[in-house]
């Protein structure tokens, strides 16, 4: 899936944030992120750094496991 935030420059991948027990969809270009239960849209993203800080983590502290890229149906490929 192509990212709606960064003018279609990035692809969206799914990742587990082990420290939080949360799964996110993240752009590999601009780090926009969406919970995996949320529709990916330009109007509802958060920057990954901001999301992590809201959960008292820094990017360096977070344990992010890449699960693979997703397609337009939100399936991992």
PDB file of N, CA and C in Angstrom:
ATOM      1  N   UNK A   1       0.846  -1.172   0.000  1.00  0.00           N
ATOM      2  CA  UNK A   1       0.000   0.000   0.000  1.00  0.00           C
ATOM      3  C   UNK A   1       0.894   1.237   0.000  1.00  0.00           C
ATOM      4  N   UNK A   2       0.501   2.228  -0.752  1.00  0.00           N
ATOM      5  CA  UNK A   2       1.260   3.473  -0.863  1.00  0.00           C
ATOM      6  C   UNK A   2       0.779   4.451   0.210  1.00  0.00           C
ATOM      7  N   UNK A   3       1.716   5.181   0.806  1.00  0.00           N
ATOM      8  CA  UNK A   3       1.401   6.121   1.883  1.00  0.00           C
ATOM      9  C   UNK A   3       0.665   7.356   1.354  1.00  0.00           C
ATOM     10  N   UNK A   4      -0.462   7.717   1.978  1.00  0.00           N
ATOM     11  CA  UNK A   4      -1.182   8.918   1.553  1.00  0.00           C
ATOM     12  C   UNK A   4      -0.551  10.215   2.076  1.00  0.00           C
ATOM     13  N   UNK A   5       0.340  10.121   3.055  1.00  0.00           N
ATOM     14  CA  UNK A   5       0.906  11.326   3.657  1.00  0.00           C
ATOM     15  C   UNK A   5       2.053  11.918   2.844  1.00  0.00           C
ATOM     16  N   UNK A   6       2.927  11.095   2.339  1.00  0.00           N
ATOM     17  CA  UNK A   6       4.171  11.609   1.744  1.00  0.00           C
ATOM     18  C   UNK A   6       4.133  11.619   0.217  1.00  0.00           C
ATOM     19  N   UNK A   7       2.995  11.986  -0.318  1.00  0.00           N
ATOM     20  CA  UNK A   7       2.834  12.095  -1.768  1.00  0.00           C
ATOM     21  C   UNK A   7       3.195  10.808  -2.490  1.00  0.00           C
ATOM     22  N   UNK A   8       2.780   9.691  -1.908  1.00  0.00           N
ATOM     23  CA  UNK A   8       2.986   8.377  -2.516  1.00  0.00           C
ATOM     24  C   UNK A   8       4.455   7.999  -2.695  1.00  0.00           C
ATOM     25  N   UNK A   9       5.318   8.514  -1.841  1.00  0.00           N
ATOM     26  CA  UNK A   9       6.738   8.185  -1.903  1.00  0.00           C
ATOM     27  C   UNK A   9       7.091   6.932  -1.109  1.00  0.00           C
ATOM     28  N   UNK A  10       6.273   6.605  -0.119  1.00  0.00           N
ATOM     29  CA  UNK A  10       6.594   5.480   0.760  1.00  0.00           C
ATOM     30  C   UNK A  10       5.585   4.358   0.667  1.00  0.00           C
ATOM     31  N   UNK A  11       6.008   3.199   1.163  1.00  0.00           N
ATOM     32  CA  UNK A  11       5.135   2.037   1.251  1.00  0.00           C
ATOM     33  C   UNK A  11       4.836   1.757   2.723  1.00  0.00           C
ATOM     34  N   UNK A  12       3.656   1.219   2.980  1.00  0.00           N
ATOM     35  CA  UNK A  12       3.212   0.941   4.343  1.00  0.00           C
ATOM     36  C   UNK A  12       3.572  -0.496   4.718  1.00  0.00           C
ATOM     37  N   UNK A  13       4.201  -0.647   5.874  1.00  0.00           N
ATOM     38  CA  UNK A  13       4.478  -1.979   6.400  1.00  0.00           C
ATOM     39  C   UNK A  13       3.840  -2.125   7.772  1.00  0.00           C
ATOM     40  N   UNK A  14       3.608  -3.354   8.180  1.00  0.00           N
ATOM     41  CA  UNK A  14       3.028  -3.637   9.489  1.00  0.00           C
ATOM     42  C   UNK A  14       4.160  -3.991  10.444  1.00  0.00           C
ATOM     43  N   UNK A  15       4.052  -3.515  11.678  1.00  0.00           N
ATOM     44  CA  UNK A  15       5.093  -3.773  12.675  1.00  0.00           C
ATOM     45  C   UNK A  15       4.477  -3.955  14.052  1.00  0.00           C
ATOM     46  N   UNK A  16       5.071  -4.852  14.815  1.00  0.00           N
ATOM     47  CA  UNK A  16       4.707  -5.004  16.220  1.00  0.00           C
ATOM     48  C   UNK A  16       5.626  -4.120  17.046  1.00  0.00           C
ATOM     49  N   UNK A  17       5.054  -3.370  17.970  1.00  0.00           N
ATOM     50  CA  UNK A  17       5.822  -2.604  18.940  1.00  0.00           C
ATOM     51  C   UNK A  17       5.789  -3.459  20.210  1.00  0.00           C
ATOM     52  N   UNK A  18       6.828  -4.248  20.401  1.00  0.00           N
ATOM     53  CA  UNK A  18       6.837  -5.243  21.475  1.00  0.00           C
ATOM     54  C   UNK A  18       6.688  -4.618  22.850  1.00  0.00           C
ATOM     55  N   UNK A  19       7.305  -3.459  23.088  1.00  0.00           N
ATOM     56  CA  UNK A  19       7.223  -2.808  24.393  1.00  0.00           C
ATOM     57  C   UNK A  19       5.784  -2.463  24.782  1.00  0.00           C
ATOM     58  N   UNK A  20       4.946  -2.232  23.762  1.00  0.00           N
ATOM     59  CA  UNK A  20       3.582  -1.773  24.008  1.00  0.00           C
ATOM     60  C   UNK A  20       2.532  -2.834  23.728  1.00  0.00           C
ATOM     61  N   UNK A  21       2.911  -3.906  23.057  1.00  0.00           N
ATOM     62  CA  UNK A  21       1.933  -4.907  22.670  1.00  0.00           C
ATOM     63  C   UNK A  21       0.952  -4.378  21.644  1.00  0.00           C
ATOM     64  N   UNK A  22       1.438  -3.496  20.767  1.00  0.00           N
ATOM     65  CA  UNK A  22       0.595  -2.839  19.766  1.00  0.00           C
ATOM     66  C   UNK A  22       1.133  -3.159  18.376  1.00  0.00           C
ATOM     67  N   UNK A  23       0.219  -3.309  17.421  1.00  0.00           N
ATOM     68  CA  UNK A  23       0.602  -3.463  16.025  1.00  0.00           C
ATOM     69  C   UNK A  23       0.236  -2.191  15.278  1.00  0.00           C
ATOM     70  N   UNK A  24       1.204  -1.662  14.538  1.00  0.00           N
ATOM     71  CA  UNK A  24       1.020  -0.438  13.768  1.00  0.00           C
ATOM     72  C   UNK A  24       1.271  -0.687  12.296  1.00  0.00           C
ATOM     73  N   UNK A  25       0.672   0.147  11.463  1.00  0.00           N
ATOM     74  CA  UNK A  25       1.034   0.258  10.059  1.00  0.00           C
ATOM     75  C   UNK A  25       1.875   1.521   9.943  1.00  0.00           C
ATOM     76  N   UNK A  26       3.072   1.412   9.344  1.00  0.00           N
ATOM     77  CA  UNK A  26       4.043   2.509   9.342  1.00  0.00           C
ATOM     78  C   UNK A  26       4.552   2.738   7.923  1.00  0.00           C
ATOM     79  N   UNK A  27       4.696   3.995   7.534  1.00  0.00           N
ATOM     80  CA  UNK A  27       5.277   4.332   6.240  1.00  0.00           C
ATOM     81  C   UNK A  27       6.794   4.220   6.320  1.00  0.00           C
ATOM     82  N   UNK A  28       7.398   3.547   5.338  1.00  0.00           N
ATOM     83  CA  UNK A  28       8.854   3.380   5.343  1.00  0.00           C
ATOM     84  C   UNK A  28       9.597   4.635   4.899  1.00  0.00           C
ATOM     85  N   UNK A  29       8.879   5.653   4.455  1.00  0.00           N
ATOM     86  CA  UNK A  29       9.498   6.893   4.000  1.00  0.00           C
ATOM     87  C   UNK A  29       9.361   8.016   5.028  1.00  0.00           C
ATOM     88  N   UNK A  30       8.131   8.281   5.492  1.00  0.00           N
ATOM     89  CA  UNK A  30       7.892   9.456   6.344  1.00  0.00           C
ATOM     90  C   UNK A  30       7.569   9.112   7.793  1.00  0.00           C
ATOM     91  N   UNK A  31       7.479   7.813   8.137  1.00  0.00           N
ATOM     92  CA  UNK A  31       7.174   7.355   9.492  1.00  0.00           C
ATOM     93  C   UNK A  31       5.788   7.750   9.996  1.00  0.00           C
ATOM     94  N   UNK A  32       4.857   8.026   9.078  1.00  0.00           N
ATOM     95  CA  UNK A  32       3.466   8.171   9.495  1.00  0.00           C
ATOM     96  C   UNK A  32       3.018   6.798   9.998  1.00  0.00           C
ATOM     97  N   UNK A  33       2.145   6.773  11.000  1.00  0.00           N
ATOM     98  CA  UNK A  33       1.696   5.472  11.504  1.00  0.00           C
ATOM     99  C   UNK A  33       0.214   5.506  11.851  1.00  0.00           C
ATOM    100  N   UNK A  34      -0.362   4.316  11.815  1.00  0.00           N
ATOM    101  CA  UNK A  34      -1.758   4.085  12.106  1.00  0.00           C
ATOM    102  C   UNK A  34      -1.870   2.770  12.862  1.00  0.00           C
ATOM    103  N   UNK A  35      -2.695   2.686  13.908  1.00  0.00           N
ATOM    104  CA  UNK A  35      -2.961   1.370  14.513  1.00  0.00           C
ATOM    105  C   UNK A  35      -3.513   0.440  13.436  1.00  0.00           C
ATOM    106  N   UNK A  36      -3.220  -0.843  13.534  1.00  0.00           N
ATOM    107  CA  UNK A  36      -3.648  -1.767  12.477  1.00  0.00           C
ATOM    108  C   UNK A  36      -5.157  -1.927  12.393  1.00  0.00           C
ATOM    109  N   UNK A  37      -5.883  -1.445  13.386  1.00  0.00           N
ATOM    110  CA  UNK A  37      -7.343  -1.507  13.366  1.00  0.00           C
ATOM    111  C   UNK A  37      -7.958  -0.255  12.744  1.00  0.00           C
ATOM    112  N   UNK A  38      -7.134   0.719  12.386  1.00  0.00           N
ATOM    113  CA  UNK A  38      -7.604   2.003  11.880  1.00  0.00           C
ATOM    114  C   UNK A  38      -7.455   2.063  10.362  1.00  0.00           C
ATOM    115  N   UNK A  39      -8.378   2.734   9.699  1.00  0.00           N
ATOM    116  CA  UNK A  39      -8.275   2.954   8.265  1.00  0.00           C
ATOM    117  C   UNK A  39      -7.103   3.897   8.006  1.00  0.00           C
ATOM    118  N   UNK A  40      -6.278   3.565   7.025  1.00  0.00           N
ATOM    119  CA  UNK A  40      -5.123   4.396   6.666  1.00  0.00           C
ATOM    120  C   UNK A  40      -5.613   5.545   5.800  1.00  0.00           C
ATOM    121  N   UNK A  41      -5.467   6.758   6.322  1.00  0.00           N
ATOM    122  CA  UNK A  41      -5.964   7.952   5.644  1.00  0.00           C
ATOM    123  C   UNK A  41      -5.064   9.132   5.995  1.00  0.00           C
ATOM    124  N   UNK A  42      -4.990  10.106   5.127  1.00  0.00           N
ATOM    125  CA  UNK A  42      -4.163  11.304   5.367  1.00  0.00           C
ATOM    126  C   UNK A  42      -4.665  12.092   6.580  1.00  0.00           C
ATOM    127  N   UNK A  43      -5.930  11.951   6.919  1.00  0.00           N
ATOM    128  CA  UNK A  43      -6.524  12.742   7.994  1.00  0.00           C
ATOM    129  C   UNK A  43      -6.313  12.180   9.395  1.00  0.00           C
ATOM    130  N   UNK A  44      -5.802  10.939   9.500  1.00  0.00           N
ATOM    131  CA  UNK A  44      -5.764  10.343  10.838  1.00  0.00           C
ATOM    132  C   UNK A  44      -4.421   9.697  11.208  1.00  0.00           C
ATOM    133  N   UNK A  45      -3.342  10.087  10.585  1.00  0.00           N
ATOM    134  CA  UNK A  45      -2.034   9.514  10.922  1.00  0.00           C
ATOM    135  C   UNK A  45      -1.425  10.225  12.121  1.00  0.00           C
ATOM    136  N   UNK A  46      -0.444   9.581  12.718  1.00  0.00           N
ATOM    137  CA  UNK A  46       0.438  10.212  13.706  1.00  0.00           C
ATOM    138  C   UNK A  46       1.859   9.934  13.265  1.00  0.00           C
ATOM    139  N   UNK A  47       2.746  10.841  13.551  1.00  0.00           N
ATOM    140  CA  UNK A  47       4.156  10.584  13.317  1.00  0.00           C
ATOM    141  C   UNK A  47       4.607   9.524  14.323  1.00  0.00           C
ATOM    142  N   UNK A  48       5.398   8.566  13.860  1.00  0.00           N
ATOM    143  CA  UNK A  48       5.817   7.465  14.728  1.00  0.00           C
ATOM    144  C   UNK A  48       6.514   7.969  15.987  1.00  0.00           C
ATOM    145  N   UNK A  49       7.362   8.947  15.863  1.00  0.00           N
ATOM    146  CA  UNK A  49       8.063   9.490  17.035  1.00  0.00           C
ATOM    147  C   UNK A  49       7.075  10.069  18.044  1.00  0.00           C
ATOM    148  N   UNK A  50       6.090  10.805  17.567  1.00  0.00           N
ATOM    149  CA  UNK A  50       5.069  11.379  18.444  1.00  0.00           C
ATOM    150  C   UNK A  50       4.269  10.259  19.111  1.00  0.00           C
ATOM    151  N   UNK A  51       3.870   9.260  18.335  1.00  0.00           N
ATOM    152  CA  UNK A  51       3.124   8.127  18.890  1.00  0.00           C
ATOM    153  C   UNK A  51       3.917   7.456  20.007  1.00  0.00           C
ATOM    154  N   UNK A  52       5.186   7.188  19.761  1.00  0.00           N
ATOM    155  CA  UNK A  52       6.018   6.529  20.773  1.00  0.00           C
ATOM    156  C   UNK A  52       6.187   7.407  22.008  1.00  0.00           C
ATOM    157  N   UNK A  53       6.411   8.701  21.820  1.00  0.00           N
ATOM    158  CA  UNK A  53       6.562   9.608  22.958  1.00  0.00           C
ATOM    159  C   UNK A  53       5.287   9.674  23.790  1.00  0.00           C
ATOM    160  N   UNK A  54       4.130   9.613  23.132  1.00  0.00           N
ATOM    161  CA  UNK A  54       2.853   9.587  23.865  1.00  0.00           C
ATOM    162  C   UNK A  54       2.735   8.340  24.738  1.00  0.00           C
ATOM    163  N   UNK A  55       3.494   7.309  24.399  1.00  0.00           N
ATOM    164  CA  UNK A  55       3.508   6.069  25.170  1.00  0.00           C
ATOM    165  C   UNK A  55       4.803   5.928  25.984  1.00  0.00           C
ATOM    166  N   UNK A  56       5.460   7.072  26.219  1.00  0.00           N
ATOM    167  CA  UNK A  56       6.668   7.147  27.056  1.00  0.00           C
ATOM    168  C   UNK A  56       7.834   6.306  26.543  1.00  0.00           C
ATOM    169  N   UNK A  57       7.986   6.252  25.225  1.00  0.00           N
ATOM    170  CA  UNK A  57       9.113   5.559  24.599  1.00  0.00           C
ATOM    171  C   UNK A  57       9.811   6.482  23.625  1.00  0.00           C
ATOM    172  N   UNK A  58      11.094   6.264  23.435  1.00  0.00           N
ATOM    173  CA  UNK A  58      11.807   6.908  22.338  1.00  0.00           C
ATOM    174  C   UNK A  58      11.941   5.871  21.225  1.00  0.00           C
ATOM    175  N   UNK A  59      12.296   6.326  20.045  1.00  0.00           N
ATOM    176  CA  UNK A  59      12.505   5.397  18.937  1.00  0.00           C
ATOM    177  C   UNK A  59      13.600   4.396  19.285  1.00  0.00           C
ATOM    178  N   UNK A  60      14.646   4.881  19.941  1.00  0.00           N
ATOM    179  CA  UNK A  60      15.777   4.024  20.301  1.00  0.00           C
ATOM    180  C   UNK A  60      15.388   2.953  21.320  1.00  0.00           C
ATOM    181  N   UNK A  61      14.465   3.271  22.212  1.00  0.00           N
ATOM    182  CA  UNK A  61      14.034   2.326  23.245  1.00  0.00           C
ATOM    183  C   UNK A  61      13.025   1.301  22.732  1.00  0.00           C
ATOM    184  N   UNK A  62      12.320   1.649  21.679  1.00  0.00           N
ATOM    185  CA  UNK A  62      11.236   0.786  21.218  1.00  0.00           C
ATOM    186  C   UNK A  62      11.772  -0.467  20.534  1.00  0.00           C
ATOM    187  N   UNK A  63      11.050  -1.544  20.710  1.00  0.00           N
ATOM    188  CA  UNK A  63      11.387  -2.819  20.079  1.00  0.00           C
ATOM    189  C   UNK A  63      10.380  -3.038  18.958  1.00  0.00           C
ATOM    190  N   UNK A  64      10.809  -2.707  17.728  1.00  0.00           N
ATOM    191  CA  UNK A  64       9.929  -2.756  16.568  1.00  0.00           C
ATOM    192  C   UNK A  64      10.290  -3.970  15.713  1.00  0.00           C
ATOM    193  N   UNK A  65       9.306  -4.819  15.487  1.00  0.00           N
ATOM    194  CA  UNK A  65       9.490  -6.003  14.654  1.00  0.00           C
ATOM    195  C   UNK A  65       8.701  -5.806  13.360  1.00  0.00           C
ATOM    196  N   UNK A  66       9.409  -5.755  12.238  1.00  0.00           N
ATOM    197  CA  UNK A  66       8.797  -5.593  10.918  1.00  0.00           C
ATOM    198  C   UNK A  66       8.107  -6.898  10.528  1.00  0.00           C
ATOM    199  N   UNK A  67       6.809  -6.815  10.218  1.00  0.00           N
ATOM    200  CA  UNK A  67       6.040  -7.991   9.831  1.00  0.00           C
ATOM    201  C   UNK A  67       5.857  -8.105   8.326  1.00  0.00           C
ATOM    202  N   UNK A  68       6.258  -7.083   7.589  1.00  0.00           N
ATOM    203  CA  UNK A  68       6.132  -7.104   6.138  1.00  0.00           C
ATOM    204  C   UNK A  68       5.227  -6.007   5.621  1.00  0.00           C
ATOM    205  N   UNK A  69       5.338  -5.777   4.323  1.00  0.00           N
ATOM    206  CA  UNK A  69       4.530  -4.746   3.676  1.00  0.00           C
ATOM    207  C   UNK A  69       3.096  -5.226   3.517  1.00  0.00           C
ATOM    208  N   UNK A  70       2.174  -4.245   3.450  1.00  0.00           N
ATOM    209  CA  UNK A  70       0.767  -4.587   3.268  1.00  0.00           C
ATOM    210  C   UNK A  70       0.299  -4.121   1.894  1.00  0.00           C
ATOM    211  N   UNK A  71      -0.733  -4.796   1.377  1.00  0.00           N
ATOM    212  CA  UNK A  71      -1.287  -4.393   0.094  1.00  0.00           C
ATOM    213  C   UNK A  71      -2.543  -3.544   0.323  1.00  0.00           C
ATOM    214  N   UNK A  72      -3.217  -3.209  -0.744  1.00  0.00           N
ATOM    215  CA  UNK A  72      -4.375  -2.309  -0.642  1.00  0.00           C
ATOM    216  C   UNK A  72      -5.542  -2.936   0.105  1.00  0.00           C
ATOM    217  N   UNK A  73      -5.523  -4.244   0.320  1.00  0.00           N
ATOM    218  CA  UNK A  73      -6.583  -4.889   1.099  1.00  0.00           C
ATOM    219  C   UNK A  73      -6.187  -5.070   2.559  1.00  0.00           C
ATOM    220  N   UNK A  74      -5.039  -4.479   2.937  1.00  0.00           N
ATOM    221  CA  UNK A  74      -4.523  -4.516   4.299  1.00  0.00           C
ATOM    222  C   UNK A  74      -3.960  -5.895   4.673  1.00  0.00           C
ATOM    223  N   UNK A  75      -3.598  -6.685   3.687  1.00  0.00           N
ATOM    224  CA  UNK A  75      -2.981  -7.991   3.910  1.00  0.00           C
ATOM    225  C   UNK A  75      -1.471  -7.881   3.756  1.00  0.00           C
ATOM    226  N   UNK A  76      -0.738  -8.645   4.558  1.00  0.00           N
ATOM    227  CA  UNK A  76       0.729  -8.653   4.483  1.00  0.00           C
ATOM    228  C   UNK A  76       1.168  -9.486   3.291  1.00  0.00           C
ATOM    229  N   UNK A  77       2.175  -8.963   2.570  1.00  0.00           N
ATOM    230  CA  UNK A  77       2.761  -9.749   1.483  1.00  0.00           C
ATOM    231  C   UNK A  77       4.253  -9.800   1.609  1.00  0.00           C
TER     232      UNK A  77
END
